[in-house]
Amino acid sequence: MSRIYKTGEYGVPASTLWRALTDRDLLAIWFMPNDFRAEVGHRFTMTTDPAPMFDGTVHLEVLEIDAPHRMRWSWRGGPIDTIVTFTVVELGPRRCRLEFLQEGFEGLGAEFARFFLNRGWPKIDPILTAVLHTIEATEQRKKT
């Protein structure tokens, strides 16, 4: 069984990263437009550009939330039926790591999808970093 595993470290508190993972509007900026709610059992969709064997809609369900450390979703779209896990690891007061794991890719179509999804992370990471820094800057302005 194949998987995608990506990590990134960010110079923000873990709570800021968790907010970017669980706020529908922020998630739409760095990941995909969605109707997400951080509630176990919530079924939602995300949309992106269509691709071969994929109409552009991902069907998801929140399987687990352990705020602010871990969130799991089922992910179905096109030829794939996988599980996504987001893990937030606190490395210090203003440093954290995101571990992203998507597993369960089976079959030729799923391997094709994994190849393209895996290539998307280098595009996502800088946008997520910008979102995190914007959240922090906004919070700092509110304090002054």
C-alpha atoms as a PDB file:
ATOM      1  CA  MET A   1       0.000   0.000   0.000  1.00  0.00           C
ATOM      2  CA  SER A   2       1.444   3.393  -1.012  1.00  0.00           C
ATOM      3  CA  ARG A   3       1.295   6.635   0.881  1.00  0.00           C
ATOM      4  CA  ILE A   4       2.201  10.295   0.837  1.00  0.00           C
ATOM      5  CA  TYR A   5       4.115  11.580   3.855  1.00  0.00           C
ATOM      6  CA  LYS A   6       5.156  15.219   4.076  1.00  0.00           C
ATOM      7  CA  THR A   7       6.404  17.354   6.930  1.00  0.00           C
ATOM      8  CA  GLY A   8       6.989  21.033   7.400  1.00  0.00           C
ATOM      9  CA  GLU A   9       8.275  23.119  10.288  1.00  0.00           C
ATOM     10  CA  TYR A  10       6.834  26.537  11.020  1.00  0.00           C
ATOM     11  CA  GLY A  11       7.885  29.401  13.266  1.00  0.00           C
ATOM     12  CA  VAL A  12       4.473  29.797  14.854  1.00  0.00           C
ATOM     13  CA  PRO A  13       2.771  28.310  17.915  1.00  0.00           C
ATOM     14  CA  ALA A  14       1.041  24.969  17.397  1.00  0.00           C
ATOM     15  CA  SER A  15      -2.289  26.687  18.083  1.00  0.00           C
ATOM     16  CA  THR A  16      -1.784  28.892  15.013  1.00  0.00           C
ATOM     17  CA  LEU A  17      -1.105  25.869  12.813  1.00  0.00           C
ATOM     18  CA  TRP A  18      -4.148  24.097  14.250  1.00  0.00           C
ATOM     19  CA  ARG A  19      -6.288  27.107  13.380  1.00  0.00           C
ATOM     20  CA  ALA A  20      -5.059  26.997   9.764  1.00  0.00           C
ATOM     21  CA  LEU A  21      -5.981  23.301   9.632  1.00  0.00           C
ATOM     22  CA  THR A  22      -9.453  23.648  11.117  1.00  0.00           C
ATOM     23  CA  ASP A  23     -10.806  27.044  10.040  1.00  0.00           C
ATOM     24  CA  ARG A  24     -12.836  26.521   6.850  1.00  0.00           C
ATOM     25  CA  ASP A  25     -11.852  29.852   5.308  1.00  0.00           C
ATOM     26  CA  LEU A  26      -8.137  29.455   6.049  1.00  0.00           C
ATOM     27  CA  LEU A  27      -8.184  25.856   4.820  1.00  0.00           C
ATOM     28  CA  ALA A  28      -9.703  27.102   1.560  1.00  0.00           C
ATOM     29  CA  ILE A  29      -6.786  29.482   1.037  1.00  0.00           C
ATOM     30  CA  TRP A  30      -3.933  27.019   1.395  1.00  0.00           C
ATOM     31  CA  PHE A  31      -5.581  23.675   0.561  1.00  0.00           C
ATOM     32  CA  MET A  32      -8.930  23.675  -1.288  1.00  0.00           C
ATOM     33  CA  PRO A  33     -12.362  25.349  -1.133  1.00  0.00           C
ATOM     34  CA  ASN A  34     -14.525  23.335   1.241  1.00  0.00           C
ATOM     35  CA  ASP A  35     -17.492  23.112   3.598  1.00  0.00           C
ATOM     36  CA  PHE A  36     -15.445  21.692   6.475  1.00  0.00           C
ATOM     37  CA  ARG A  37     -16.442  21.704  10.152  1.00  0.00           C
ATOM     38  CA  ALA A  38     -14.125  20.403  12.855  1.00  0.00           C
ATOM     39  CA  GLU A  39     -16.640  17.825  14.119  1.00  0.00           C
ATOM     40  CA  VAL A  40     -16.193  14.052  14.132  1.00  0.00           C
ATOM     41  CA  GLY A  41     -18.667  12.519  11.681  1.00  0.00           C
ATOM     42  CA  HIS A  42     -19.029  15.701   9.591  1.00  0.00           C
ATOM     43  CA  ARG A  43     -19.144  14.873   5.875  1.00  0.00           C
ATOM     44  CA  PHE A  44     -17.847  17.571   3.565  1.00  0.00           C
ATOM     45  CA  THR A  45     -16.413  18.219   0.146  1.00  0.00           C
ATOM     46  CA  MET A  46     -13.397  19.985  -1.253  1.00  0.00           C
ATOM     47  CA  THR A  47     -13.122  21.129  -4.835  1.00  0.00           C
ATOM     48  CA  THR A  48     -10.239  21.674  -7.195  1.00  0.00           C
ATOM     49  CA  ASP A  49      -9.518  21.498 -10.897  1.00  0.00           C
ATOM     50  CA  PRO A  50     -10.609  18.283 -12.619  1.00  0.00           C
ATOM     51  CA  ALA A  51      -7.891  15.900 -13.786  1.00  0.00           C
ATOM     52  CA  PRO A  52      -7.802  12.573 -15.614  1.00  0.00           C
ATOM     53  CA  MET A  53     -10.110  10.112 -13.773  1.00  0.00           C
ATOM     54  CA  PHE A  54     -11.120  12.892 -11.325  1.00  0.00           C
ATOM     55  CA  ASP A  55     -14.040  15.328 -11.551  1.00  0.00           C
ATOM     56  CA  GLY A  56     -12.490  17.824  -9.123  1.00  0.00           C
ATOM     57  CA  THR A  57     -14.609  16.946  -6.066  1.00  0.00           C
ATOM     58  CA  VAL A  58     -13.191  15.172  -3.024  1.00  0.00           C
ATOM     59  CA  HIS A  59     -15.686  13.594  -0.598  1.00  0.00           C
ATOM     60  CA  LEU A  60     -14.450  13.564   2.979  1.00  0.00           C
ATOM     61  CA  GLU A  61     -15.527  12.713   6.495  1.00  0.00           C
ATOM     62  CA  VAL A  62     -13.940  13.770   9.772  1.00  0.00           C
ATOM     63  CA  LEU A  63     -12.936  10.540  11.514  1.00  0.00           C
ATOM     64  CA  GLU A  64     -11.010  11.887  14.492  1.00  0.00           C
ATOM     65  CA  ILE A  65     -10.144  15.187  16.148  1.00  0.00           C
ATOM     66  CA  ASP A  66      -7.729  15.471  19.052  1.00  0.00           C
ATOM     67  CA  ALA A  67      -7.264  19.249  19.220  1.00  0.00           C
ATOM     68  CA  PRO A  68      -4.710  20.660  18.778  1.00  0.00           C
ATOM     69  CA  HIS A  69      -2.641  17.613  17.910  1.00  0.00           C
ATOM     70  CA  ARG A  70      -4.286  15.280  15.419  1.00  0.00           C
ATOM     71  CA  MET A  71      -7.077  15.137  12.866  1.00  0.00           C
ATOM     72  CA  ARG A  72      -8.039  12.257  10.524  1.00  0.00           C
ATOM     73  CA  TRP A  73     -10.285  12.316   7.462  1.00  0.00           C
ATOM     74  CA  SER A  74     -11.510   9.753   5.009  1.00  0.00           C
ATOM     75  CA  TRP A  75     -10.763  10.974   1.454  1.00  0.00           C
ATOM     76  CA  ARG A  76     -12.624   9.698  -1.598  1.00  0.00           C
ATOM     77  CA  GLY A  77     -12.305  11.172  -5.042  1.00  0.00           C
ATOM     78  CA  GLY A  78     -11.642   9.796  -8.475  1.00  0.00           C
ATOM     79  CA  PRO A  79      -9.767   6.514  -8.189  1.00  0.00           C
ATOM     80  CA  ILE A  80      -8.738   6.912  -4.551  1.00  0.00           C
ATOM     81  CA  ASP A  81     -10.207   5.956  -1.205  1.00  0.00           C
ATOM     82  CA  THR A  82      -7.653   6.943   1.423  1.00  0.00           C
ATOM     83  CA  ILE A  83      -7.191   8.186   4.973  1.00  0.00           C
ATOM     84  CA  VAL A  84      -5.520  11.537   5.663  1.00  0.00           C
ATOM     85  CA  THR A  85      -3.922  12.291   9.023  1.00  0.00           C
ATOM     86  CA  PHE A  86      -2.708  15.729  10.090  1.00  0.00           C
ATOM     87  CA  THR A  87      -0.445  15.671  13.160  1.00  0.00           C
ATOM     88  CA  VAL A  88       0.752  18.867  14.836  1.00  0.00           C
ATOM     89  CA  VAL A  89       3.882  18.508  16.965  1.00  0.00           C
ATOM     90  CA  GLU A  90       4.844  21.352  19.287  1.00  0.00           C
ATOM     91  CA  LEU A  91       8.614  21.936  19.112  1.00  0.00           C
ATOM     92  CA  GLY A  92       8.734  25.002  21.349  1.00  0.00           C
ATOM     93  CA  PRO A  93       6.650  28.034  22.244  1.00  0.00           C
ATOM     94  CA  ARG A  94       6.897  29.453  18.720  1.00  0.00           C
ATOM     95  CA  ARG A  95       7.819  26.433  16.637  1.00  0.00           C
ATOM     96  CA  CYS A  96       5.832  23.433  15.439  1.00  0.00           C
ATOM     97  CA  ARG A  97       5.828  20.712  12.832  1.00  0.00           C
ATOM     98  CA  LEU A  98       3.029  19.476  10.599  1.00  0.00           C
ATOM     99  CA  GLU A  99       3.087  15.823   9.607  1.00  0.00           C
ATOM    100  CA  PHE A 100       0.749  15.007   6.733  1.00  0.00           C
ATOM    101  CA  LEU A 101       0.068  11.364   5.937  1.00  0.00           C
ATOM    102  CA  GLN A 102      -2.254  10.097   3.221  1.00  0.00           C
ATOM    103  CA  GLU A 103      -2.376   6.320   2.999  1.00  0.00           C
ATOM    104  CA  GLY A 104      -4.342   3.592   1.306  1.00  0.00           C
ATOM    105  CA  PHE A 105      -3.504   4.146  -2.367  1.00  0.00           C
ATOM    106  CA  GLU A 106      -4.288   0.896  -4.154  1.00  0.00           C
ATOM    107  CA  GLY A 107      -4.430   0.068  -7.846  1.00  0.00           C
ATOM    108  CA  LEU A 108      -2.994   1.733 -10.926  1.00  0.00           C
ATOM    109  CA  GLY A 109      -5.452   4.653 -10.894  1.00  0.00           C
ATOM    110  CA  ALA A 110      -4.693   5.348  -7.249  1.00  0.00           C
ATOM    111  CA  GLU A 111      -0.948   5.274  -7.930  1.00  0.00           C
ATOM    112  CA  PHE A 112      -1.484   7.766 -10.752  1.00  0.00           C
ATOM    113  CA  ALA A 113      -3.429  10.020  -8.339  1.00  0.00           C
ATOM    114  CA  ARG A 114      -0.720   9.644  -5.669  1.00  0.00           C
ATOM    115  CA  PHE A 115       1.908  10.769  -8.154  1.00  0.00           C
ATOM    116  CA  PHE A 116       0.017  13.997  -8.891  1.00  0.00           C
ATOM    117  CA  LEU A 117      -0.996  14.651  -5.279  1.00  0.00           C
ATOM    118  CA  ASN A 118       2.583  14.163  -4.146  1.00  0.00           C
ATOM    119  CA  ARG A 119       3.738  16.831  -6.588  1.00  0.00           C
ATOM    120  CA  GLY A 120       1.280  19.350  -5.121  1.00  0.00           C
ATOM    121  CA  TRP A 121       2.940  19.704  -1.719  1.00  0.00           C
ATOM    122  CA  PRO A 122       5.737  22.056  -2.883  1.00  0.00           C
ATOM    123  CA  LYS A 123       2.985  24.432  -4.053  1.00  0.00           C
ATOM    124  CA  ILE A 124       0.926  24.113  -0.858  1.00  0.00           C
ATOM    125  CA  ASP A 125       3.708  24.614   1.699  1.00  0.00           C
ATOM    126  CA  PRO A 126       4.602  28.242   0.798  1.00  0.00           C
ATOM    127  CA  ILE A 127       0.913  29.203   0.800  1.00  0.00           C
ATOM    128  CA  LEU A 128       0.401  27.581   4.208  1.00  0.00           C
ATOM    129  CA  THR A 129       3.486  29.431   5.490  1.00  0.00           C
ATOM    130  CA  ALA A 130       2.049  32.746   4.267  1.00  0.00           C
ATOM    131  CA  VAL A 131      -1.321  31.986   5.901  1.00  0.00           C
ATOM    132  CA  LEU A 132       0.402  31.194   9.207  1.00  0.00           C
ATOM    133  CA  HIS A 133       2.420  34.419   9.135  1.00  0.00           C
ATOM    134  CA  THR A 134      -0.703  36.416   8.255  1.00  0.00           C
ATOM    135  CA  ILE A 135      -2.566  34.912  11.231  1.00  0.00           C
ATOM    136  CA  GLU A 136       0.343  35.810  13.523  1.00  0.00           C
ATOM    137  CA  ALA A 137       0.627  39.370  12.162  1.00  0.00           C
ATOM    138  CA  THR A 138      -3.117  39.905  12.541  1.00  0.00           C
ATOM    139  CA  GLU A 139      -3.002  38.664  16.144  1.00  0.00           C
ATOM    140  CA  GLN A 140      -0.064  40.990  16.911  1.00  0.00           C
ATOM    141  CA  ARG A 141      -1.932  44.002  15.483  1.00  0.00           C
ATOM    142  CA  LYS A 142      -4.933  43.190  17.673  1.00  0.00           C
ATOM    143  CA  LYS A 143      -2.696  43.280  20.771  1.00  0.00           C
ATOM    144  CA  THR A 144      -1.307  46.737  19.999  1.00  0.00           C
END
